[in-house]
Amino acid sequence: MPVYTYRCESCGVQFERQQSFQDSPLTRCPECGKKSLRKVIGPVGIVFKGSGFYATDHRSPSGATSRAPKGEARGGGSNGETSND
């Protein structure tokens, strides 16, 4: 179940509450009793672990990254243009 953060707009108290997705949001402050609670929207914590996100994903079993001959880049040059040789 997710944990939601609430803040009272009247007295300023802030607290967290574990609620189900089906539960309706809280509206009454447990400190002052007024109906002035609002959910606080904050950043989501995402942690990418490892030496690299794209370097380790979808790697071929042999470790080869491409079949292009040395000196040629796959998909074109570094400026985004493709060659039509």
C-alpha atoms as a PDB file:
ATOM      1  CA  MET A   1       0.000   0.000   0.000  1.00  0.00           C
ATOM      2  CA  PRO A   2       1.283   3.476  -0.814  1.00  0.00           C
ATOM      3  CA  VAL A   3       2.201   6.067   1.800  1.00  0.00           C
ATOM      4  CA  TYR A   4       0.689   9.529   1.289  1.00  0.00           C
ATOM      5  CA  THR A   5       1.870  12.781   2.862  1.00  0.00           C
ATOM      6  CA  TYR A   6      -0.779  15.236   4.081  1.00  0.00           C
ATOM      7  CA  ARG A   7      -0.456  18.856   5.233  1.00  0.00           C
ATOM      8  CA  CYS A   8      -3.044  20.952   7.051  1.00  0.00           C
ATOM      9  CA  GLU A   9      -3.532  24.389   5.495  1.00  0.00           C
ATOM     10  CA  SER A  10      -4.823  25.788   8.801  1.00  0.00           C
ATOM     11  CA  CYS A  11      -2.283  24.704  11.429  1.00  0.00           C
ATOM     12  CA  GLY A  12       0.572  23.516   9.164  1.00  0.00           C
ATOM     13  CA  VAL A  13       0.944  20.016  10.632  1.00  0.00           C
ATOM     14  CA  GLN A  14       2.357  17.478   8.169  1.00  0.00           C
ATOM     15  CA  PHE A  15       2.145  13.684   8.488  1.00  0.00           C
ATOM     16  CA  GLU A  16       2.220  10.475   6.475  1.00  0.00           C
ATOM     17  CA  ARG A  17      -0.526   7.860   6.254  1.00  0.00           C
ATOM     18  CA  GLN A  18      -0.501   4.424   4.632  1.00  0.00           C
ATOM     19  CA  GLN A  19      -3.682   4.019   2.594  1.00  0.00           C
ATOM     20  CA  SER A  20      -5.094   1.738  -0.070  1.00  0.00           C
ATOM     21  CA  PHE A  21      -5.761   3.052  -3.567  1.00  0.00           C
ATOM     22  CA  GLN A  22      -9.490   2.593  -2.923  1.00  0.00           C
ATOM     23  CA  ASP A  23      -9.469   4.700   0.294  1.00  0.00           C
ATOM     24  CA  SER A  24     -10.785   8.227  -0.062  1.00  0.00           C
ATOM     25  CA  PRO A  25      -8.332  11.037   0.778  1.00  0.00           C
ATOM     26  CA  LEU A  26      -8.292  12.371   4.330  1.00  0.00           C
ATOM     27  CA  THR A  27      -9.896  15.794   4.779  1.00  0.00           C
ATOM     28  CA  ARG A  28     -10.016  16.436   8.559  1.00  0.00           C
ATOM     29  CA  CYS A  29      -6.822  17.419  10.401  1.00  0.00           C
ATOM     30  CA  PRO A  30      -6.046  15.216  13.435  1.00  0.00           C
ATOM     31  CA  GLU A  31      -4.478  18.206  15.289  1.00  0.00           C
ATOM     32  CA  CYS A  32      -6.897  21.112  14.826  1.00  0.00           C
ATOM     33  CA  GLY A  33      -9.977  19.196  13.585  1.00  0.00           C
ATOM     34  CA  LYS A  34     -10.594  21.476  10.586  1.00  0.00           C
ATOM     35  CA  LYS A  35     -11.361  20.188   7.087  1.00  0.00           C
ATOM     36  CA  SER A  36      -8.250  21.668   5.512  1.00  0.00           C
ATOM     37  CA  LEU A  37      -5.999  18.682   4.750  1.00  0.00           C
ATOM     38  CA  ARG A  38      -4.347  18.461   1.349  1.00  0.00           C
ATOM     39  CA  LYS A  39      -2.130  15.756  -0.161  1.00  0.00           C
ATOM     40  CA  VAL A  40       1.467  16.827  -0.642  1.00  0.00           C
ATOM     41  CA  ILE A  41       2.876  15.915  -4.053  1.00  0.00           C
ATOM     42  CA  GLY A  42       6.635  15.329  -3.919  1.00  0.00           C
ATOM     43  CA  PRO A  43       9.351  13.917  -6.121  1.00  0.00           C
ATOM     44  CA  VAL A  44       9.497  10.177  -6.601  1.00  0.00           C
ATOM     45  CA  GLY A  45      12.724   8.508  -5.534  1.00  0.00           C
ATOM     46  CA  ILE A  46      14.221   6.416  -8.341  1.00  0.00           C
ATOM     47  CA  VAL A  47      17.595   4.763  -7.922  1.00  0.00           C
ATOM     48  CA  PHE A  48      19.492   3.272 -10.867  1.00  0.00           C
ATOM     49  CA  LYS A  49      22.060   0.816  -9.528  1.00  0.00           C
ATOM     50  CA  GLY A  50      24.986  -0.620 -11.423  1.00  0.00           C
ATOM     51  CA  SER A  51      27.718   0.646 -13.692  1.00  0.00           C
ATOM     52  CA  GLY A  52      25.335   1.914 -16.359  1.00  0.00           C
ATOM     53  CA  PHE A  53      21.731   1.742 -17.431  1.00  0.00           C
ATOM     54  CA  TYR A  54      22.105   1.343 -21.190  1.00  0.00           C
ATOM     55  CA  ALA A  55      25.510  -0.343 -21.179  1.00  0.00           C
ATOM     56  CA  THR A  56      24.229  -3.422 -19.365  1.00  0.00           C
ATOM     57  CA  ASP A  57      20.739  -3.738 -20.842  1.00  0.00           C
ATOM     58  CA  HIS A  58      20.068  -5.799 -23.974  1.00  0.00           C
ATOM     59  CA  ARG A  59      23.691  -6.772 -24.467  1.00  0.00           C
ATOM     60  CA  SER A  60      24.322  -9.693 -26.791  1.00  0.00           C
ATOM     61  CA  PRO A  61      25.613 -12.873 -25.108  1.00  0.00           C
ATOM     62  CA  SER A  62      29.046 -12.620 -26.765  1.00  0.00           C
ATOM     63  CA  GLY A  63      29.526  -9.029 -25.644  1.00  0.00           C
ATOM     64  CA  ALA A  64      29.712  -7.692 -29.220  1.00  0.00           C
ATOM     65  CA  THR A  65      27.911  -4.382 -29.620  1.00  0.00           C
ATOM     66  CA  SER A  66      27.615  -4.189 -33.419  1.00  0.00           C
ATOM     67  CA  ARG A  67      28.566  -5.957 -36.636  1.00  0.00           C
ATOM     68  CA  ALA A  68      29.660  -2.786 -38.458  1.00  0.00           C
ATOM     69  CA  PRO A  69      33.284  -2.737 -39.697  1.00  0.00           C
ATOM     70  CA  LYS A  70      35.749  -0.742 -37.632  1.00  0.00           C
ATOM     71  CA  GLY A  71      35.617   2.987 -38.271  1.00  0.00           C
ATOM     72  CA  GLU A  72      31.953   2.992 -39.323  1.00  0.00           C
ATOM     73  CA  ALA A  73      29.247   4.013 -36.914  1.00  0.00           C
ATOM     74  CA  ARG A  74      25.888   2.301 -36.999  1.00  0.00           C
ATOM     75  CA  GLY A  75      23.100   4.577 -38.203  1.00  0.00           C
ATOM     76  CA  GLY A  76      25.213   7.438 -39.518  1.00  0.00           C
ATOM     77  CA  GLY A  77      27.582  10.109 -38.304  1.00  0.00           C
ATOM     78  CA  SER A  78      27.691  11.972 -35.040  1.00  0.00           C
ATOM     79  CA  ASN A  79      25.698  14.896 -36.457  1.00  0.00           C
ATOM     80  CA  GLY A  80      22.604  12.738 -37.007  1.00  0.00           C
ATOM     81  CA  GLU A  81      22.908  12.546 -40.794  1.00  0.00           C
ATOM     82  CA  THR A  82      22.820   9.184 -42.572  1.00  0.00           C
ATOM     83  CA  SER A  83      25.052   8.364 -45.522  1.00  0.00           C
ATOM     84  CA  ASN A  84      23.608   6.955 -48.721  1.00  0.00           C
ATOM     85  CA  ASP A  85      26.748   5.397 -50.248  1.00  0.00           C
END
